[in-house]
């Protein structure tokens, strides 16, 4: 399971302006703020098709999004560290402040009885930590926490990184990657960019 929300795209105007710098072709620009005009879109797609050396424009088209995904997905996401920034909820500082429940995990393929046992044990450790302050309970919680635990991160990245993710992960065996890539196709101009 993966949840994304609060998608924001920005700096399209700056990216398009910069895209026209090499040929001093600013007079041909027909974009207005976040709306990329037909002339500029044509150039953007030609530069995208020309490869990474020429599609610097994509590295200036920025995206911010909140993603709640299981730890096993975040491990793969971390492959894309270039051009990304992320702030996550803290398992180090806040893992003990809220009682665990089934909604905290991506576990649709796990036997319910097993997840019930894990959640019961995590809540037992949490309760003991909160009552005693003994860090051994905190360590036990961190060590027991399944990779299905949903962690929320606010991520900032660019269209170049998203295009690399899309091309590499759109047919991935993890459903979370396929779902994430499908959402990317709804971003402004991403579908057109992904098809070149």
C-alpha atoms as a PDB file:
ATOM      1  CA  UNK A   1       0.000   0.000   0.000  1.00  0.00           C
ATOM      2  CA  UNK A   2       1.212   3.501  -0.842  1.00  0.00           C
ATOM      3  CA  UNK A   3      -0.550   6.818  -0.313  1.00  0.00           C
ATOM      4  CA  UNK A   4       0.444  10.080  -1.950  1.00  0.00           C
ATOM      5  CA  UNK A   5      -1.037  13.508  -1.339  1.00  0.00           C
ATOM      6  CA  UNK A   6      -0.334  17.217  -1.514  1.00  0.00           C
ATOM      7  CA  UNK A   7       1.391  17.059  -4.895  1.00  0.00           C
ATOM      8  CA  UNK A   8       2.850  20.421  -5.928  1.00  0.00           C
ATOM      9  CA  UNK A   9       4.702  21.247  -9.129  1.00  0.00           C
ATOM     10  CA  UNK A  10       6.674  24.449  -9.451  1.00  0.00           C
ATOM     11  CA  UNK A  11       9.412  26.389 -11.240  1.00  0.00           C
ATOM     12  CA  UNK A  12       8.135  25.502 -14.705  1.00  0.00           C
ATOM     13  CA  UNK A  13       8.538  29.158 -15.723  1.00  0.00           C
ATOM     14  CA  UNK A  14      12.185  29.230 -14.612  1.00  0.00           C
ATOM     15  CA  UNK A  15      12.888  25.851 -16.214  1.00  0.00           C
ATOM     16  CA  UNK A  16      11.465  26.959 -19.576  1.00  0.00           C
ATOM     17  CA  UNK A  17      13.354  30.248 -19.442  1.00  0.00           C
ATOM     18  CA  UNK A  18      16.580  28.372 -18.742  1.00  0.00           C
ATOM     19  CA  UNK A  19      15.837  25.821 -21.460  1.00  0.00           C
ATOM     20  CA  UNK A  20      15.874  28.655 -24.012  1.00  0.00           C
ATOM     21  CA  UNK A  21      19.181  30.152 -22.814  1.00  0.00           C
ATOM     22  CA  UNK A  22      21.588  28.036 -24.928  1.00  0.00           C
ATOM     23  CA  UNK A  23      20.122  29.267 -28.227  1.00  0.00           C
ATOM     24  CA  UNK A  24      19.019  32.734 -27.011  1.00  0.00           C
ATOM     25  CA  UNK A  25      15.541  31.752 -28.201  1.00  0.00           C
ATOM     26  CA  UNK A  26      13.506  33.480 -25.474  1.00  0.00           C
ATOM     27  CA  UNK A  27      11.404  35.283 -28.102  1.00  0.00           C
ATOM     28  CA  UNK A  28       9.985  31.899 -29.196  1.00  0.00           C
ATOM     29  CA  UNK A  29       8.715  31.123 -25.703  1.00  0.00           C
ATOM     30  CA  UNK A  30       4.937  30.864 -25.404  1.00  0.00           C
ATOM     31  CA  UNK A  31       4.566  29.690 -21.794  1.00  0.00           C
ATOM     32  CA  UNK A  32       2.746  31.567 -19.057  1.00  0.00           C
ATOM     33  CA  UNK A  33       3.672  30.697 -15.452  1.00  0.00           C
ATOM     34  CA  UNK A  34       2.955  26.977 -14.883  1.00  0.00           C
ATOM     35  CA  UNK A  35       1.339  26.552 -18.344  1.00  0.00           C
ATOM     36  CA  UNK A  36       3.846  25.404 -20.942  1.00  0.00           C
ATOM     37  CA  UNK A  37       2.879  26.602 -24.419  1.00  0.00           C
ATOM     38  CA  UNK A  38       3.072  24.466 -27.601  1.00  0.00           C
ATOM     39  CA  UNK A  39       6.412  25.930 -28.785  1.00  0.00           C
ATOM     40  CA  UNK A  40       8.058  25.391 -25.429  1.00  0.00           C
ATOM     41  CA  UNK A  41       6.552  21.921 -25.022  1.00  0.00           C
ATOM     42  CA  UNK A  42       7.920  20.934 -28.435  1.00  0.00           C
ATOM     43  CA  UNK A  43      11.420  22.063 -27.414  1.00  0.00           C
ATOM     44  CA  UNK A  44      11.119  20.408 -23.994  1.00  0.00           C
ATOM     45  CA  UNK A  45      10.175  17.074 -25.601  1.00  0.00           C
ATOM     46  CA  UNK A  46      12.998  17.322 -28.152  1.00  0.00           C
ATOM     47  CA  UNK A  47      15.516  18.021 -25.386  1.00  0.00           C
ATOM     48  CA  UNK A  48      14.105  15.158 -23.304  1.00  0.00           C
ATOM     49  CA  UNK A  49      14.455  12.792 -26.248  1.00  0.00           C
ATOM     50  CA  UNK A  50      18.056  13.947 -26.811  1.00  0.00           C
ATOM     51  CA  UNK A  51      19.101  12.400 -23.483  1.00  0.00           C
ATOM     52  CA  UNK A  52      20.304  13.389 -20.046  1.00  0.00           C
ATOM     53  CA  UNK A  53      22.952  15.824 -21.313  1.00  0.00           C
ATOM     54  CA  UNK A  54      20.262  17.907 -23.022  1.00  0.00           C
ATOM     55  CA  UNK A  55      17.294  17.596 -20.691  1.00  0.00           C
ATOM     56  CA  UNK A  56      18.561  19.809 -17.884  1.00  0.00           C
ATOM     57  CA  UNK A  57      15.138  21.462 -18.087  1.00  0.00           C
ATOM     58  CA  UNK A  58      13.655  18.422 -16.310  1.00  0.00           C
ATOM     59  CA  UNK A  59      16.056  18.921 -13.387  1.00  0.00           C
ATOM     60  CA  UNK A  60      14.592  22.402 -12.878  1.00  0.00           C
ATOM     61  CA  UNK A  61      10.930  21.302 -12.960  1.00  0.00           C
ATOM     62  CA  UNK A  62      10.311  20.662  -9.267  1.00  0.00           C
ATOM     63  CA  UNK A  63       7.831  18.484  -7.373  1.00  0.00           C
ATOM     64  CA  UNK A  64       6.875  18.207  -3.710  1.00  0.00           C
ATOM     65  CA  UNK A  65       4.690  15.395  -2.366  1.00  0.00           C
ATOM     66  CA  UNK A  66       3.749  13.622   0.854  1.00  0.00           C
ATOM     67  CA  UNK A  67       4.207   9.857   0.570  1.00  0.00           C
ATOM     68  CA  UNK A  68       3.179   7.234   3.126  1.00  0.00           C
ATOM     69  CA  UNK A  69       4.800   3.953   2.136  1.00  0.00           C
ATOM     70  CA  UNK A  70       6.119   0.800   3.789  1.00  0.00           C
ATOM     71  CA  UNK A  71       9.759   0.727   4.859  1.00  0.00           C
ATOM     72  CA  UNK A  72      10.481  -1.961   2.239  1.00  0.00           C
ATOM     73  CA  UNK A  73       9.425   0.534  -0.497  1.00  0.00           C
ATOM     74  CA  UNK A  74      11.484   3.369   1.001  1.00  0.00           C
ATOM     75  CA  UNK A  75      14.592   1.168   0.841  1.00  0.00           C
ATOM     76  CA  UNK A  76      14.211   1.052  -2.936  1.00  0.00           C
ATOM     77  CA  UNK A  77      13.221   4.714  -3.194  1.00  0.00           C
ATOM     78  CA  UNK A  78      16.522   5.615  -1.537  1.00  0.00           C
ATOM     79  CA  UNK A  79      18.268   4.458  -4.728  1.00  0.00           C
ATOM     80  CA  UNK A  80      17.207   7.839  -6.156  1.00  0.00           C
ATOM     81  CA  UNK A  81      19.158  10.054  -3.760  1.00  0.00           C
ATOM     82  CA  UNK A  82      20.509  12.457  -6.407  1.00  0.00           C
ATOM     83  CA  UNK A  83      18.286  15.515  -6.624  1.00  0.00           C
ATOM     84  CA  UNK A  84      15.949  14.497  -3.809  1.00  0.00           C
ATOM     85  CA  UNK A  85      15.328  15.792  -0.315  1.00  0.00           C
ATOM     86  CA  UNK A  86      13.060  14.103   2.223  1.00  0.00           C
ATOM     87  CA  UNK A  87      11.854  14.736   5.755  1.00  0.00           C
ATOM     88  CA  UNK A  88      10.268  11.727   7.405  1.00  0.00           C
ATOM     89  CA  UNK A  89       8.275  10.967  10.476  1.00  0.00           C
ATOM     90  CA  UNK A  90      10.739   9.866  13.129  1.00  0.00           C
ATOM     91  CA  UNK A  91      10.812   6.291  14.342  1.00  0.00           C
ATOM     92  CA  UNK A  92      13.688   7.284  16.652  1.00  0.00           C
ATOM     93  CA  UNK A  93      11.817  10.032  18.512  1.00  0.00           C
ATOM     94  CA  UNK A  94       8.111   9.360  17.998  1.00  0.00           C
ATOM     95  CA  UNK A  95       7.608   5.614  17.535  1.00  0.00           C
ATOM     96  CA  UNK A  96       6.333   5.279  21.129  1.00  0.00           C
ATOM     97  CA  UNK A  97       3.859   8.195  21.157  1.00  0.00           C
ATOM     98  CA  UNK A  98       0.966   6.484  19.392  1.00  0.00           C
ATOM     99  CA  UNK A  99      -0.564   3.079  19.939  1.00  0.00           C
ATOM    100  CA  UNK A 100       0.028   0.741  16.963  1.00  0.00           C
ATOM    101  CA  UNK A 101      -2.916  -0.503  14.924  1.00  0.00           C
ATOM    102  CA  UNK A 102      -3.393  -2.405  11.677  1.00  0.00           C
ATOM    103  CA  UNK A 103      -3.662   0.847   9.687  1.00  0.00           C
ATOM    104  CA  UNK A 104       0.008   1.577  10.444  1.00  0.00           C
ATOM    105  CA  UNK A 105       1.128  -1.284   8.202  1.00  0.00           C
ATOM    106  CA  UNK A 106       0.961  -2.405   4.586  1.00  0.00           C
ATOM    107  CA  UNK A 107       0.064  -5.999   5.339  1.00  0.00           C
ATOM    108  CA  UNK A 108      -2.658  -7.125   2.961  1.00  0.00           C
ATOM    109  CA  UNK A 109      -0.699 -10.332   2.158  1.00  0.00           C
ATOM    110  CA  UNK A 110       0.196 -11.190   5.758  1.00  0.00           C
ATOM    111  CA  UNK A 111      -1.878 -13.555   7.893  1.00  0.00           C
ATOM    112  CA  UNK A 112      -4.063 -11.416  10.184  1.00  0.00           C
ATOM    113  CA  UNK A 113      -3.173 -13.549  13.223  1.00  0.00           C
ATOM    114  CA  UNK A 114       0.529 -12.899  12.701  1.00  0.00           C
ATOM    115  CA  UNK A 115       0.018  -9.139  12.374  1.00  0.00           C
ATOM    116  CA  UNK A 116      -2.179  -9.159  15.475  1.00  0.00           C
ATOM    117  CA  UNK A 117       0.656 -10.824  17.412  1.00  0.00           C
ATOM    118  CA  UNK A 118       3.240  -8.325  16.138  1.00  0.00           C
ATOM    119  CA  UNK A 119       1.007  -5.333  16.929  1.00  0.00           C
ATOM    120  CA  UNK A 120       0.220  -6.728  20.386  1.00  0.00           C
ATOM    121  CA  UNK A 121       3.928  -7.134  21.136  1.00  0.00           C
ATOM    122  CA  UNK A 122       4.780  -3.651  19.814  1.00  0.00           C
ATOM    123  CA  UNK A 123       2.072  -2.132  22.001  1.00  0.00           C
ATOM    124  CA  UNK A 124       3.306  -4.114  25.015  1.00  0.00           C
ATOM    125  CA  UNK A 125       6.843  -2.760  24.466  1.00  0.00           C
ATOM    126  CA  UNK A 126       5.493   0.758  23.896  1.00  0.00           C
ATOM    127  CA  UNK A 127       3.516   0.644  27.115  1.00  0.00           C
ATOM    128  CA  UNK A 128       6.541  -0.569  29.102  1.00  0.00           C
ATOM    129  CA  UNK A 129       8.747   2.133  27.562  1.00  0.00           C
ATOM    130  CA  UNK A 130       6.249   4.852  28.417  1.00  0.00           C
ATOM    131  CA  UNK A 131       5.819   3.557  31.992  1.00  0.00           C
ATOM    132  CA  UNK A 132       9.481   2.915  32.819  1.00  0.00           C
ATOM    133  CA  UNK A 133      11.525   5.017  30.374  1.00  0.00           C
ATOM    134  CA  UNK A 134      13.827   2.009  29.994  1.00  0.00           C
ATOM    135  CA  UNK A 135      15.487   2.177  26.557  1.00  0.00           C
ATOM    136  CA  UNK A 136      15.621  -1.607  26.251  1.00  0.00           C
ATOM    137  CA  UNK A 137      11.918  -1.464  25.322  1.00  0.00           C
ATOM    138  CA  UNK A 138      12.594   1.185  22.697  1.00  0.00           C
ATOM    139  CA  UNK A 139      15.377  -0.946  21.182  1.00  0.00           C
ATOM    140  CA  UNK A 140      13.094  -3.960  21.138  1.00  0.00           C
ATOM    141  CA  UNK A 141      10.392  -1.933  19.332  1.00  0.00           C
ATOM    142  CA  UNK A 142      12.860  -0.710  16.692  1.00  0.00           C
ATOM    143  CA  UNK A 143      14.239  -4.205  16.169  1.00  0.00           C
ATOM    144  CA  UNK A 144      10.786  -5.781  15.935  1.00  0.00           C
ATOM    145  CA  UNK A 145       9.215  -3.114  13.700  1.00  0.00           C
ATOM    146  CA  UNK A 146       8.290  -4.869  10.422  1.00  0.00           C
ATOM    147  CA  UNK A 147       9.333  -3.477   7.062  1.00  0.00           C
ATOM    148  CA  UNK A 148       5.609  -3.201   6.305  1.00  0.00           C
ATOM    149  CA  UNK A 149       5.418  -0.232   8.700  1.00  0.00           C
ATOM    150  CA  UNK A 150       4.119   2.847   6.867  1.00  0.00           C
ATOM    151  CA  UNK A 151       6.421   5.833   7.122  1.00  0.00           C
ATOM    152  CA  UNK A 152       5.390   9.261   5.886  1.00  0.00           C
ATOM    153  CA  UNK A 153       7.903  11.493   4.135  1.00  0.00           C
ATOM    154  CA  UNK A 154       7.572  14.873   2.487  1.00  0.00           C
ATOM    155  CA  UNK A 155       9.754  14.606  -0.597  1.00  0.00           C
ATOM    156  CA  UNK A 156      11.116  17.263  -2.940  1.00  0.00           C
ATOM    157  CA  UNK A 157      12.545  16.121  -6.251  1.00  0.00           C
ATOM    158  CA  UNK A 158      12.448  16.957  -9.934  1.00  0.00           C
ATOM    159  CA  UNK A 159      11.032  15.620 -13.173  1.00  0.00           C
ATOM    160  CA  UNK A 160      14.371  14.064 -14.169  1.00  0.00           C
ATOM    161  CA  UNK A 161      14.366  11.882 -11.052  1.00  0.00           C
ATOM    162  CA  UNK A 162      10.690  11.047 -11.546  1.00  0.00           C
ATOM    163  CA  UNK A 163      11.323  10.088 -15.174  1.00  0.00           C
ATOM    164  CA  UNK A 164      14.155   7.780 -14.094  1.00  0.00           C
ATOM    165  CA  UNK A 165      11.861   6.186 -11.492  1.00  0.00           C
ATOM    166  CA  UNK A 166       9.057   5.816 -14.002  1.00  0.00           C
ATOM    167  CA  UNK A 167      11.200   4.152 -16.670  1.00  0.00           C
ATOM    168  CA  UNK A 168      12.862   1.782 -14.185  1.00  0.00           C
ATOM    169  CA  UNK A 169       9.903   0.930 -11.921  1.00  0.00           C
ATOM    170  CA  UNK A 170       6.617   1.179 -13.868  1.00  0.00           C
ATOM    171  CA  UNK A 171       6.532  -2.625 -14.360  1.00  0.00           C
ATOM    172  CA  UNK A 172       8.128  -3.504 -11.018  1.00  0.00           C
ATOM    173  CA  UNK A 173       6.927  -6.553  -9.096  1.00  0.00           C
ATOM    174  CA  UNK A 174       5.981  -4.375  -6.117  1.00  0.00           C
ATOM    175  CA  UNK A 175       2.462  -3.030  -6.580  1.00  0.00           C
ATOM    176  CA  UNK A 176       3.500   0.128  -4.699  1.00  0.00           C
ATOM    177  CA  UNK A 177       5.909   1.050  -7.498  1.00  0.00           C
ATOM    178  CA  UNK A 178       3.312   0.437 -10.191  1.00  0.00           C
ATOM    179  CA  UNK A 179       0.780   2.539  -8.259  1.00  0.00           C
ATOM    180  CA  UNK A 180       3.307   5.342  -7.752  1.00  0.00           C
ATOM    181  CA  UNK A 181       4.240   5.374 -11.453  1.00  0.00           C
ATOM    182  CA  UNK A 182       0.574   5.517 -12.468  1.00  0.00           C
ATOM    183  CA  UNK A 183       0.103   8.613 -10.298  1.00  0.00           C
ATOM    184  CA  UNK A 184       3.083  10.275 -12.010  1.00  0.00           C
ATOM    185  CA  UNK A 185       1.194  10.188 -15.297  1.00  0.00           C
ATOM    186  CA  UNK A 186      -1.270  12.691 -13.816  1.00  0.00           C
ATOM    187  CA  UNK A 187       1.395  15.344 -13.216  1.00  0.00           C
ATOM    188  CA  UNK A 188       1.398  18.249 -15.692  1.00  0.00           C
ATOM    189  CA  UNK A 189       3.220  17.238 -18.926  1.00  0.00           C
ATOM    190  CA  UNK A 190       4.643  14.058 -17.390  1.00  0.00           C
ATOM    191  CA  UNK A 191       2.731  11.716 -19.687  1.00  0.00           C
ATOM    192  CA  UNK A 192       4.128  13.507 -22.744  1.00  0.00           C
ATOM    193  CA  UNK A 193       7.652  13.471 -21.307  1.00  0.00           C
ATOM    194  CA  UNK A 194       7.472   9.788 -20.385  1.00  0.00           C
ATOM    195  CA  UNK A 195       6.506   8.800 -23.937  1.00  0.00           C
ATOM    196  CA  UNK A 196       9.595  10.233 -25.717  1.00  0.00           C
END
